[in-house]
Amino acid sequence: MADKPKKTQKLKARLPRGLEDRGPAAIAATRQMVEKIREVYERYGFEPVETPAMEYTDALGKFLPDQDRPNEGVFSFQDDDEQWISLRYDLTAPLARYVAENFDSLPKPYRSYRFGYVFRNEKPGPGRFRQFMQFDADTVGSGSPAADAEMCMMAADTMEELGIPRGSYVVKVNNRKVLDGVMESIGIGGDENAGRRLTVLRAIDKLDRLGEQGVRELLGPGRKDESGDFTKGAGLEPAEIAKIETFVNARASVRGPLLAYAGDASVQQRLAGDPDHKENEYDVARRIADALRDTFHDSKNALEGLDELVEIARLVDAAGYHSQVIIDPSVVRGLEYYTGPVYEVELLLDTKDEKGRPVRFGSVGGGGRYDGLVSRFRGEPVPATGFSIGVSRLQAALTMLGKLDTRPEFGPVVVTVFDRDRIPDYQKVVAQLRNANIRAELYLGNPRNMGNQLKYADRRNSPCVIIQGSDERARGEVQIKDLIEGAKAAAAIASNQEWRETRPAQFSCAEAELVAKVREVLARHDVKWG
């Protein structure tokens, strides 16, 4: 007996973890966001540039692991020359390579923006993806705190342009120079402690997500998450952890009644018009700096960082950003390449997910000064600072807050096929609509059943369909069926007989009037692309 042929195994369609498919509504919402962000960035004088999604691994920055197969945190492979190449981890390191390679031809300072997907080879989880979109702006060639202050102001303007009202977000600013002073004071300064220091930085960076106890565990022996996975900690002693907590909580410890500068004439002038004795951010920054100077008086780097924070606060106050930008030592940013001021945009709004559980979005963007990245290629100091919006994360927040239109976009006008022998005539109608800048398509399925054609148009979210049978053709007319109006009428009609009698939202017009009548339908329903 002959063997039966083996049944071919069907390939299972499955999406890798940490990635997502996106449909027309999500893509349209992203387009809305990106356009608004772009408008703000260009208002500040930034110009676009694009870099590839892949770079040589050694160009991506010193935060990458130094090992034979650098595939921890990034996705890497070897090309046919055995050179290691990685998918970009962020948009900043590729910009540093681009500026270094084109240094002599670019104006300095060089102001640019770019957006695109970045890739992280990390454990995926709720809200944590292996591929997500960022939108960056950077100024390369200026070491002035004014460049950092400008990034913070632009971040605030961007949030408001996206519909997040003042008071519902805050831009927090810290300085890695001060944090480096903290690291030195607990004995983990220097290149030999770079790995341990990065563990500390990343632990503090999780404060808004894990809370004080979770961060304390990561600074100490380690932490086990809800799934049971254990993350090794930095191994600091309790006294060292306490010193870090004092720094991180510096704002909260000084934010109270104005005492330190009661004799300052400029402060008295401000208070004269402020009966509630509210401090502006410049005053708060000076008090934070004074509170920390004694602790770090022997660290030139830390003292310089405190002065920069005070100057940033002075600049944003002068520009009228009194509550949008604040100095907060709890802000860290997890990447090792930051060398000065760092900033983070946090949403303060609380909402609920689809299951009614409370959601706090936290950070949706950030950045900082990275004076060493371009210098790696140039062998000379090249100051730089930048800001990045996590588009994917912010889009999820804006969608949940109802700030984005997530309704599916209208599809094209569908020209139906009543008689398959007349397809050239129908294609001419499609071309007529397209030439008038109206999205249109010819139905390309089996034309035998008109009902199926109309169902197809419904699934395409078409605003209207065009029908021309032999009778209409003989009269030089076409039928236009307004599907949007028809759906509204159908909801109000009780019986099939009433439906047949009313033939809602369907009308005839002369062939010569087709474009004008379709435009009327599109205008009635505010279909923008028509």
Protein backbone atom coordinates (compact mmCIF):
# COMPACT_ATOMS: atom_id res chain seq x y z
CA MET A 1 0.00 0.00 0.00
CA ALA A 2 1.43 3.33 -1.11
CA ASP A 3 2.25 5.88 1.56
CA LYS A 4 -0.12 8.81 1.74
CA PRO A 5 1.48 12.10 0.78
CA LYS A 6 2.35 14.15 3.83
CA LYS A 7 0.02 16.99 4.57
CA THR A 8 1.74 20.34 4.09
CA GLN A 9 2.09 22.16 7.36
CA LYS A 10 0.47 25.56 7.36
CA LEU A 11 2.77 28.36 8.45
CA LYS A 12 1.38 30.00 11.56
CA ALA A 13 0.92 33.76 11.19
CA ARG A 14 2.21 35.35 14.35
CA LEU A 15 3.64 38.72 15.38
CA PRO A 16 6.90 38.76 17.39
CA ARG A 17 6.56 39.92 21.00
CA GLY A 18 7.17 43.60 21.63
CA LEU A 19 6.00 44.66 18.17
CA GLU A 20 2.63 45.86 16.90
CA ASP A 21 0.71 46.11 13.64
CA ARG A 22 -0.91 49.48 13.00
CA GLY A 23 -4.00 50.22 10.95
CA PRO A 24 -5.20 53.36 9.13
CA ALA A 25 -6.69 55.07 12.23
CA ALA A 26 -3.48 54.75 14.28
CA ILE A 27 -1.36 55.85 11.33
CA ALA A 28 -3.60 58.88 10.75
CA ALA A 29 -3.32 59.82 14.44
CA THR A 30 0.48 59.57 14.24
CA ARG A 31 0.43 61.80 11.17
CA GLN A 32 -1.58 64.42 13.09
CA MET A 33 0.92 64.35 15.96
CA VAL A 34 4.04 64.41 13.82
CA GLU A 35 2.78 67.40 11.84
CA LYS A 36 2.09 69.41 15.01
CA ILE A 37 5.48 68.53 16.50
CA ARG A 38 7.19 69.44 13.23
CA GLU A 39 5.49 72.85 13.18
CA VAL A 40 6.79 73.67 16.67
CA TYR A 41 10.34 72.47 15.93
CA GLU A 42 10.49 74.49 12.72
CA ARG A 43 9.14 77.55 14.56
CA TYR A 44 12.28 77.29 16.71
CA GLY A 45 14.49 77.24 13.61
CA PHE A 46 15.27 73.52 13.35
CA GLU A 47 15.57 71.87 9.93
CA PRO A 48 14.96 68.24 8.93
CA VAL A 49 17.57 65.54 8.36
CA GLU A 50 17.28 61.75 8.01
CA THR A 51 19.75 59.08 9.06
CA PRO A 52 19.51 55.32 8.32
CA ALA A 53 17.96 52.82 10.71
CA MET A 54 21.31 50.97 10.92
CA GLU A 55 24.73 52.17 12.02
CA TYR A 56 28.08 50.55 12.70
CA THR A 57 27.77 49.29 16.25
CA ASP A 58 30.80 51.18 17.55
CA ALA A 59 29.20 54.45 16.36
CA LEU A 60 26.15 54.08 18.59
CA GLY A 61 27.76 55.18 21.82
CA LYS A 62 29.50 53.98 24.93
CA PHE A 63 26.29 52.77 26.55
CA LEU A 64 26.49 49.62 24.42
CA PRO A 65 27.98 46.52 26.10
CA ASP A 66 31.61 45.86 25.29
CA GLN A 67 31.55 42.23 24.27
CA ASP A 68 32.25 40.01 21.27
CA ARG A 69 28.57 39.90 20.30
CA PRO A 70 27.06 43.31 21.14
CA ASN A 71 23.45 42.21 21.08
CA GLU A 72 22.34 43.16 24.58
CA GLY A 73 20.00 46.14 24.45
CA VAL A 74 20.37 46.49 20.67
CA PHE A 75 19.72 44.25 17.66
CA SER A 76 23.04 43.55 15.93
CA PHE A 77 24.44 41.47 13.08
CA GLN A 78 27.66 41.12 11.12
CA ASP A 79 27.83 42.13 7.45
CA ASP A 80 29.88 40.29 4.81
CA ASP A 81 32.99 42.23 5.90
CA GLU A 82 32.45 40.94 9.46
CA GLN A 83 31.69 44.48 10.61
CA TRP A 84 29.14 44.71 13.41
CA ILE A 85 26.03 46.70 12.48
CA SER A 86 23.15 47.54 14.83
CA LEU A 87 19.65 48.87 14.47
CA ARG A 88 19.63 52.34 16.00
CA TYR A 89 18.84 52.44 19.70
CA ASP A 90 17.86 56.13 19.55
CA LEU A 91 18.11 59.04 17.08
CA THR A 92 20.88 60.92 18.90
CA ALA A 93 23.91 58.69 18.34
CA PRO A 94 23.26 58.48 14.56
CA LEU A 95 23.03 62.30 14.46
CA ALA A 96 26.42 62.55 16.19
CA ARG A 97 27.93 60.35 13.45
CA TYR A 98 26.22 62.42 10.73
CA VAL A 99 27.46 65.73 12.13
CA ALA A 100 31.00 64.41 12.54
CA GLU A 101 31.03 63.09 8.97
CA ASN A 102 29.70 66.35 7.51
CA PHE A 103 31.20 68.72 10.07
CA ASP A 104 32.89 71.19 7.73
CA SER A 105 29.83 71.70 5.50
CA LEU A 106 27.26 72.25 8.27
CA PRO A 107 26.51 75.63 9.89
CA LYS A 108 27.46 75.79 13.58
CA PRO A 109 25.51 75.68 15.76
CA TYR A 110 23.69 73.06 13.69
CA ARG A 111 19.97 72.81 14.49
CA SER A 112 18.15 69.77 13.13
CA TYR A 113 15.17 67.53 13.77
CA ARG A 114 14.36 63.99 12.69
CA PHE A 115 11.77 61.34 13.44
CA GLY A 116 11.53 57.61 12.92
CA TYR A 117 11.50 54.20 14.54
CA VAL A 118 14.13 53.07 17.03
CA PHE A 119 14.75 49.54 18.26
CA ARG A 120 15.45 48.11 21.72
CA ASN A 121 16.45 44.50 22.35
CA GLU A 122 14.83 44.47 25.78
CA LYS A 123 12.18 42.47 27.57
CA PRO A 124 8.80 43.62 26.20
CA GLY A 125 5.88 44.33 28.51
CA PRO A 126 2.79 46.54 28.82
CA GLY A 127 3.62 49.80 27.09
CA ARG A 128 7.20 48.64 26.38
CA PHE A 129 7.92 47.86 22.74
CA ARG A 130 10.95 46.68 20.84
CA GLN A 131 10.15 49.14 18.05
CA PHE A 132 8.74 52.60 18.67
CA MET A 133 8.82 56.07 17.15
CA GLN A 134 10.74 59.09 18.41
CA PHE A 135 10.87 62.72 17.25
CA ASP A 136 14.12 64.52 18.10
CA ALA A 137 15.51 68.03 17.90
CA ASP A 138 19.19 68.80 18.56
CA THR A 139 21.54 71.77 18.65
CA VAL A 140 25.18 70.83 17.97
CA GLY A 141 27.97 73.36 18.46
CA SER A 142 26.67 75.43 21.40
CA GLY A 143 27.68 74.93 25.02
CA SER A 144 25.45 77.73 26.29
CA PRO A 145 22.81 76.94 28.94
CA ALA A 146 20.51 78.99 26.68
CA ALA A 147 20.53 76.06 24.24
CA ASP A 148 19.34 73.75 27.03
CA ALA A 149 16.74 76.26 28.23
CA GLU A 150 15.44 76.50 24.67
CA MET A 151 14.94 72.73 24.49
CA CYS A 152 12.87 72.86 27.67
CA MET A 153 10.73 75.73 26.39
CA MET A 154 10.22 73.96 23.07
CA ALA A 155 9.15 70.81 24.90
CA ALA A 156 6.53 72.83 26.78
CA ASP A 157 5.27 74.49 23.59
CA THR A 158 5.01 71.09 21.90
CA MET A 159 2.85 69.64 24.68
CA GLU A 160 0.45 72.57 24.43
CA GLU A 161 0.35 72.35 20.63
CA LEU A 162 -0.72 68.71 21.07
CA GLY A 163 -3.64 69.76 23.25
CA ILE A 164 -2.18 69.14 26.72
CA PRO A 165 -3.14 72.19 28.80
CA ARG A 166 -0.73 74.07 31.03
CA GLY A 167 -0.72 72.50 34.47
CA SER A 168 -1.28 69.03 33.00
CA TYR A 169 2.41 68.50 32.17
CA VAL A 170 5.76 69.62 33.52
CA VAL A 171 9.28 69.75 32.07
CA LYS A 172 11.73 68.65 34.78
CA VAL A 173 15.42 69.61 34.60
CA ASN A 174 18.46 68.16 36.37
CA ASN A 175 22.20 68.09 35.65
CA ARG A 176 24.38 65.01 35.28
CA LYS A 177 27.40 66.96 36.51
CA VAL A 178 25.74 67.21 39.90
CA LEU A 179 24.81 63.54 39.77
CA ASP A 180 28.42 62.68 38.91
CA GLY A 181 29.40 64.50 42.09
CA VAL A 182 27.01 62.23 44.01
CA MET A 183 28.60 59.17 42.39
CA GLU A 184 32.09 60.36 43.33
CA SER A 185 30.98 60.96 46.92
CA ILE A 186 29.85 57.33 47.29
CA GLY A 187 32.97 55.93 45.62
CA ILE A 188 31.69 54.90 42.18
CA GLY A 189 33.22 57.63 40.03
CA GLY A 190 35.73 56.94 37.25
CA ASP A 191 35.71 54.75 34.15
CA GLU A 192 36.32 51.56 36.13
CA ASN A 193 32.87 51.94 37.74
CA ALA A 194 30.99 52.80 34.54
CA GLY A 195 28.85 49.64 34.59
CA ARG A 196 27.87 49.98 38.23
CA ARG A 197 27.20 53.69 37.79
CA LEU A 198 24.89 52.98 34.86
CA THR A 199 22.97 50.50 37.05
CA VAL A 200 22.48 53.29 39.61
CA LEU A 201 21.36 55.78 36.96
CA ARG A 202 18.86 53.39 35.47
CA ALA A 203 17.51 52.54 38.92
CA ILE A 204 16.85 56.22 39.73
CA ASP A 205 15.35 56.67 36.26
CA LYS A 206 12.62 54.19 37.23
CA LEU A 207 11.43 56.26 40.20
CA ASP A 208 8.10 57.29 38.63
CA ARG A 209 7.35 53.68 37.66
CA LEU A 210 8.61 51.68 40.66
CA GLY A 211 8.36 54.19 43.49
CA GLU A 212 10.94 54.83 46.22
CA GLN A 213 10.97 51.27 47.58
CA GLY A 214 11.48 49.72 44.14
CA VAL A 215 14.38 52.07 43.39
CA ARG A 216 15.87 51.40 46.84
CA GLU A 217 15.89 47.67 46.02
CA LEU A 218 17.59 48.28 42.66
CA LEU A 219 20.22 50.45 44.33
CA GLY A 220 20.81 47.69 46.88
CA PRO A 221 20.82 43.90 46.35
CA GLY A 222 18.21 43.80 43.55
CA ARG A 223 14.51 43.52 42.84
CA LYS A 224 12.09 40.76 41.88
CA ASP A 225 9.23 41.98 39.64
CA GLU A 226 5.62 40.75 39.54
CA SER A 227 6.49 38.00 37.06
CA GLY A 228 9.18 36.64 39.40
CA ASP A 229 12.11 37.84 37.27
CA PHE A 230 15.04 39.12 39.35
CA THR A 231 17.02 42.24 38.39
CA LYS A 232 20.45 42.48 40.00
CA GLY A 233 20.99 45.73 41.91
CA ALA A 234 23.94 48.11 42.20
CA GLY A 235 24.96 46.65 45.57
CA LEU A 236 25.19 49.98 47.43
CA GLU A 237 25.29 50.17 51.20
CA PRO A 238 22.32 51.74 53.10
CA ALA A 239 24.33 54.91 53.87
CA GLU A 240 25.21 55.32 50.19
CA ILE A 241 21.58 54.80 49.16
CA ALA A 242 20.53 57.43 51.73
CA LYS A 243 22.95 59.94 50.20
CA ILE A 244 21.46 59.38 46.74
CA GLU A 245 17.93 59.75 48.15
CA THR A 246 18.89 63.07 49.79
CA PHE A 247 19.99 64.38 46.39
CA VAL A 248 16.99 63.00 44.52
CA ASN A 249 14.58 64.54 47.07
CA ALA A 250 16.35 67.93 47.17
CA ARG A 251 13.48 69.80 45.55
CA ALA A 252 10.90 68.50 47.99
CA SER A 253 13.16 69.34 50.94
CA VAL A 254 13.48 73.05 50.03
CA ARG A 255 10.11 73.70 48.38
CA GLY A 256 8.25 75.62 51.07
CA PRO A 257 7.86 79.18 52.41
CA LEU A 258 10.38 81.57 50.89
CA LEU A 259 13.04 82.12 53.57
CA ALA A 260 16.50 82.04 52.07
CA TYR A 261 16.13 85.16 49.97
CA ALA A 262 13.72 87.29 52.02
CA GLY A 263 16.23 90.14 51.97
CA ASP A 264 16.80 89.99 48.21
CA ALA A 265 15.36 93.15 46.59
CA SER A 266 14.47 91.35 43.35
CA VAL A 267 12.55 88.71 45.31
CA GLN A 268 10.76 91.38 47.34
CA GLN A 269 9.67 93.05 44.12
CA ARG A 270 8.19 89.78 42.85
CA LEU A 271 6.46 89.11 46.15
CA ALA A 272 4.91 92.58 46.14
CA GLY A 273 2.75 91.53 43.23
CA ASP A 274 2.24 88.05 44.62
CA PRO A 275 0.20 88.15 47.85
CA ASP A 276 0.27 84.34 48.08
CA HIS A 277 4.07 84.43 48.26
CA LYS A 278 4.51 82.00 45.37
CA GLU A 279 8.10 81.51 44.33
CA ASN A 280 9.17 81.57 40.72
CA GLU A 281 11.45 78.82 39.46
CA TYR A 282 14.60 80.95 39.55
CA ASP A 283 14.15 81.39 43.31
CA VAL A 284 13.49 77.68 43.83
CA ALA A 285 16.54 76.72 41.75
CA ARG A 286 18.79 78.96 43.84
CA ARG A 287 17.47 77.41 47.05
CA ILE A 288 18.05 73.88 45.71
CA ALA A 289 21.57 74.84 44.65
CA ASP A 290 22.33 76.36 48.07
CA ALA A 291 21.02 73.24 49.81
CA LEU A 292 23.36 71.00 47.80
CA ARG A 293 26.50 73.16 47.60
CA ASP A 294 27.66 72.28 51.12
CA THR A 295 27.35 68.56 50.38
CA PHE A 296 29.34 68.79 47.13
CA HIS A 297 31.65 71.74 47.85
CA ASP A 298 34.70 69.61 46.96
CA SER A 299 33.36 68.65 43.50
CA LYS A 300 34.07 71.31 40.87
CA ASN A 301 31.89 69.39 38.40
CA ALA A 302 28.88 69.36 40.74
CA LEU A 303 29.17 73.06 41.57
CA GLU A 304 29.36 73.90 37.88
CA GLY A 305 26.24 71.79 37.28
CA LEU A 306 24.33 73.62 40.03
CA ASP A 307 25.24 76.97 38.49
CA GLU A 308 23.96 75.75 35.11
CA LEU A 309 20.63 74.70 36.66
CA VAL A 310 20.19 78.13 38.23
CA GLU A 311 20.97 79.79 34.89
CA ILE A 312 18.46 77.61 33.02
CA ALA A 313 15.80 78.52 35.58
CA ARG A 314 16.65 82.22 35.16
CA LEU A 315 16.31 81.97 31.37
CA VAL A 316 12.99 80.08 31.31
CA ASP A 317 11.53 82.46 33.91
CA ALA A 318 12.61 85.45 31.81
CA ALA A 319 10.87 83.95 28.77
CA GLY A 320 7.61 83.56 30.70
CA TYR A 321 7.74 79.80 31.37
CA HIS A 322 7.04 80.17 35.08
CA SER A 323 5.37 76.86 35.89
CA GLN A 324 6.00 74.71 32.82
CA VAL A 325 9.73 74.12 33.47
CA ILE A 326 11.08 73.20 36.93
CA ILE A 327 14.39 72.12 38.48
CA ASP A 328 14.09 68.59 39.89
CA PRO A 329 17.12 66.47 40.98
CA SER A 330 15.06 63.26 40.69
CA VAL A 331 15.42 63.38 36.88
CA VAL A 332 18.24 61.17 35.64
CA ARG A 333 17.78 59.83 32.09
CA GLY A 334 19.19 56.32 31.79
CA LEU A 335 21.78 56.76 29.01
CA GLU A 336 25.42 57.07 29.97
CA TYR A 337 26.37 59.60 27.29
CA TYR A 338 24.67 62.62 28.93
CA THR A 339 27.24 65.11 30.26
CA GLY A 340 25.24 68.11 31.59
CA PRO A 341 21.63 69.26 31.90
CA VAL A 342 19.03 66.54 31.40
CA TYR A 343 15.29 67.08 31.03
CA GLU A 344 12.13 65.05 31.03
CA VAL A 345 8.51 65.83 30.14
CA GLU A 346 5.99 64.27 32.49
CA LEU A 347 2.22 64.16 32.04
CA LEU A 348 0.44 64.90 35.30
CA LEU A 349 -2.98 63.77 34.11
CA ASP A 350 -4.57 60.67 35.57
CA THR A 351 -7.05 58.64 33.57
CA LYS A 352 -8.38 55.09 33.36
CA ASP A 353 -7.75 52.30 30.89
CA GLU A 354 -10.43 50.27 29.10
CA LYS A 355 -10.88 48.13 32.24
CA GLY A 356 -11.38 51.14 34.50
CA ARG A 357 -7.97 50.88 36.16
CA PRO A 358 -6.12 54.14 36.97
CA VAL A 359 -3.29 55.04 34.60
CA ARG A 360 -0.49 57.56 35.21
CA PHE A 361 1.48 58.14 32.04
CA GLY A 362 4.61 59.70 33.52
CA SER A 363 7.44 60.54 31.15
CA VAL A 364 6.64 60.98 27.45
CA GLY A 365 9.88 62.60 26.33
CA GLY A 366 13.25 63.85 27.43
CA GLY A 367 16.82 64.57 26.51
CA GLY A 368 19.90 66.40 27.61
CA ARG A 369 23.41 67.58 26.87
CA TYR A 370 25.81 65.08 25.33
CA ASP A 371 29.07 66.94 24.73
CA GLY A 372 31.07 63.75 24.20
CA LEU A 373 29.23 61.97 21.37
CA VAL A 374 30.44 64.04 18.38
CA SER A 375 33.81 64.48 20.05
CA ARG A 376 34.36 60.70 19.81
CA PHE A 377 34.66 61.09 16.04
CA ARG A 378 36.35 64.50 15.94
CA GLY A 379 38.96 64.33 18.69
CA GLU A 380 38.00 67.86 19.75
CA PRO A 381 35.24 69.25 22.02
CA VAL A 382 31.88 69.55 20.24
CA PRO A 383 29.06 70.57 22.62
CA ALA A 384 25.54 69.32 21.83
CA THR A 385 22.11 69.13 23.40
CA GLY A 386 18.83 67.57 22.29
CA PHE A 387 15.27 66.66 23.14
CA SER A 388 13.27 63.58 22.10
CA ILE A 389 9.53 62.92 22.20
CA GLY A 390 8.44 59.31 22.52
CA VAL A 391 5.79 59.53 19.81
CA SER A 392 4.39 56.03 20.35
CA ARG A 393 4.07 56.48 24.11
CA LEU A 394 2.65 59.99 23.84
CA GLN A 395 0.17 58.85 21.20
CA ALA A 396 -1.14 56.16 23.56
CA ALA A 397 -1.55 58.80 26.26
CA LEU A 398 -3.27 61.34 23.98
CA THR A 399 -5.60 58.66 22.64
CA MET A 400 -6.64 57.61 26.14
CA LEU A 401 -7.15 61.27 27.09
CA GLY A 402 -9.33 61.88 24.01
CA LYS A 403 -6.89 64.41 22.54
CA LEU A 404 -6.50 62.56 19.23
CA ASP A 405 -9.09 61.74 16.59
CA THR A 406 -8.85 57.95 16.35
CA ARG A 407 -11.80 57.48 14.04
CA PRO A 408 -10.80 55.68 10.82
CA GLU A 409 -10.21 58.00 7.89
CA PHE A 410 -12.70 57.94 5.06
CA GLY A 411 -11.76 55.64 2.23
CA PRO A 412 -11.99 56.41 -1.48
CA VAL A 413 -15.11 56.97 -3.54
CA VAL A 414 -15.93 53.57 -5.08
CA VAL A 415 -17.08 53.38 -8.69
CA THR A 416 -19.17 50.22 -9.01
CA VAL A 417 -19.33 47.94 -12.03
CA PHE A 418 -22.89 47.42 -13.28
CA ASP A 419 -21.89 45.95 -16.63
CA ARG A 420 -18.50 44.22 -16.90
CA ASP A 421 -18.35 44.95 -20.66
CA ARG A 422 -18.20 48.66 -19.84
CA ILE A 423 -15.19 48.60 -17.51
CA PRO A 424 -13.30 51.12 -19.75
CA ASP A 425 -16.19 53.58 -19.25
CA TYR A 426 -16.12 53.10 -15.48
CA GLN A 427 -12.34 53.48 -15.43
CA LYS A 428 -12.79 56.80 -17.23
CA VAL A 429 -15.10 57.94 -14.40
CA VAL A 430 -12.45 56.94 -11.83
CA ALA A 431 -9.79 58.90 -13.73
CA GLN A 432 -12.11 61.94 -13.86
CA LEU A 433 -12.47 61.91 -10.06
CA ARG A 434 -8.75 61.38 -9.46
CA ASN A 435 -7.87 64.23 -11.81
CA ALA A 436 -10.08 66.44 -9.63
CA ASN A 437 -7.96 65.40 -6.59
CA ILE A 438 -10.66 63.09 -5.20
CA ARG A 439 -9.59 59.69 -3.93
CA ALA A 440 -11.36 57.08 -6.05
CA GLU A 441 -11.11 53.43 -7.02
CA LEU A 442 -12.81 51.04 -9.40
CA TYR A 443 -14.36 47.94 -7.79
CA LEU A 444 -12.01 45.13 -8.86
CA GLY A 445 -13.84 42.13 -7.37
CA ASN A 446 -16.51 39.97 -8.98
CA PRO A 447 -19.09 42.52 -10.24
CA ARG A 448 -21.97 40.04 -10.45
CA ASN A 449 -23.61 41.10 -7.17
CA MET A 450 -24.19 44.85 -6.59
CA GLY A 451 -24.91 44.16 -2.91
CA ASN A 452 -21.40 42.79 -2.45
CA GLN A 453 -19.98 45.90 -4.09
CA LEU A 454 -21.85 48.13 -1.64
CA LYS A 455 -20.71 45.98 1.30
CA TYR A 456 -17.15 46.38 0.06
CA ALA A 457 -17.59 50.17 -0.06
CA ASP A 458 -18.92 50.10 3.51
CA ARG A 459 -15.90 48.13 4.72
CA ARG A 460 -13.63 50.63 2.95
CA ASN A 461 -15.39 53.43 4.86
CA SER A 462 -16.19 55.08 1.54
CA PRO A 463 -18.18 58.33 1.76
CA CYS A 464 -20.14 57.52 -1.42
CA VAL A 465 -20.35 55.17 -4.40
CA ILE A 466 -21.00 55.84 -8.06
CA ILE A 467 -23.49 53.63 -9.93
CA GLN A 468 -24.28 53.74 -13.66
CA GLY A 469 -26.47 51.11 -15.24
CA SER A 470 -27.69 50.99 -18.86
CA ASP A 471 -30.69 53.25 -18.14
CA GLU A 472 -28.52 55.95 -16.52
CA ARG A 473 -26.02 55.60 -19.34
CA ALA A 474 -28.76 56.17 -21.94
CA ARG A 475 -29.84 59.36 -20.11
CA GLY A 476 -26.27 60.63 -19.64
CA GLU A 477 -26.60 60.37 -15.86
CA VAL A 478 -24.97 58.65 -12.89
CA GLN A 479 -26.32 57.66 -9.48
CA ILE A 480 -24.47 58.88 -6.37
CA LYS A 481 -25.15 56.98 -3.15
CA ASP A 482 -24.16 58.91 -0.04
CA LEU A 483 -23.16 56.08 2.31
CA ILE A 484 -22.68 58.29 5.36
CA GLU A 485 -26.12 59.87 5.10
CA GLY A 486 -27.55 56.50 4.19
CA ALA A 487 -26.20 54.93 7.38
CA LYS A 488 -27.80 57.70 9.46
CA ALA A 489 -31.13 57.25 7.70
CA ALA A 490 -31.00 53.46 8.01
CA ALA A 491 -30.75 53.76 11.78
CA ALA A 492 -34.01 55.70 11.82
CA ILE A 493 -36.00 53.57 9.34
CA ALA A 494 -38.14 50.83 10.87
CA SER A 495 -38.97 48.54 7.92
CA ASN A 496 -37.49 47.25 4.67
CA GLN A 497 -40.52 48.63 2.81
CA GLU A 498 -39.87 52.11 4.19
CA TRP A 499 -36.23 51.72 3.15
CA ARG A 500 -37.21 50.83 -0.42
CA GLU A 501 -39.67 53.69 -0.63
CA THR A 502 -37.29 56.36 0.65
CA ARG A 503 -34.05 55.18 -1.08
CA PRO A 504 -32.18 57.40 1.39
CA ALA A 505 -29.28 59.56 0.29
CA GLN A 506 -29.24 58.33 -3.31
CA PHE A 507 -29.70 60.74 -6.18
CA SER A 508 -29.04 61.17 -9.89
CA CYS A 509 -27.05 63.85 -11.64
CA ALA A 510 -25.77 64.55 -15.13
CA GLU A 511 -22.41 63.00 -16.02
CA ALA A 512 -20.97 66.51 -16.44
CA GLU A 513 -21.96 67.38 -12.85
CA LEU A 514 -20.37 64.28 -11.27
CA VAL A 515 -17.26 65.95 -9.81
CA ALA A 516 -19.21 68.92 -8.41
CA LYS A 517 -21.87 66.70 -6.81
CA VAL A 518 -19.29 64.36 -5.26
CA ARG A 519 -17.51 67.38 -3.81
CA GLU A 520 -20.81 68.50 -2.28
CA VAL A 521 -21.18 65.12 -0.56
CA LEU A 522 -17.60 65.26 0.74
CA ALA A 523 -18.02 68.84 1.98
CA ARG A 524 -21.27 67.93 3.75
CA HIS A 525 -19.41 65.37 5.84
CA ASP A 526 -16.18 67.36 6.21
CA VAL A 527 -14.09 64.84 4.28
CA LYS A 528 -10.81 66.75 4.07
CA TRP A 529 -9.04 65.00 1.25
CA GLY A 530 -11.74 65.86 -1.30
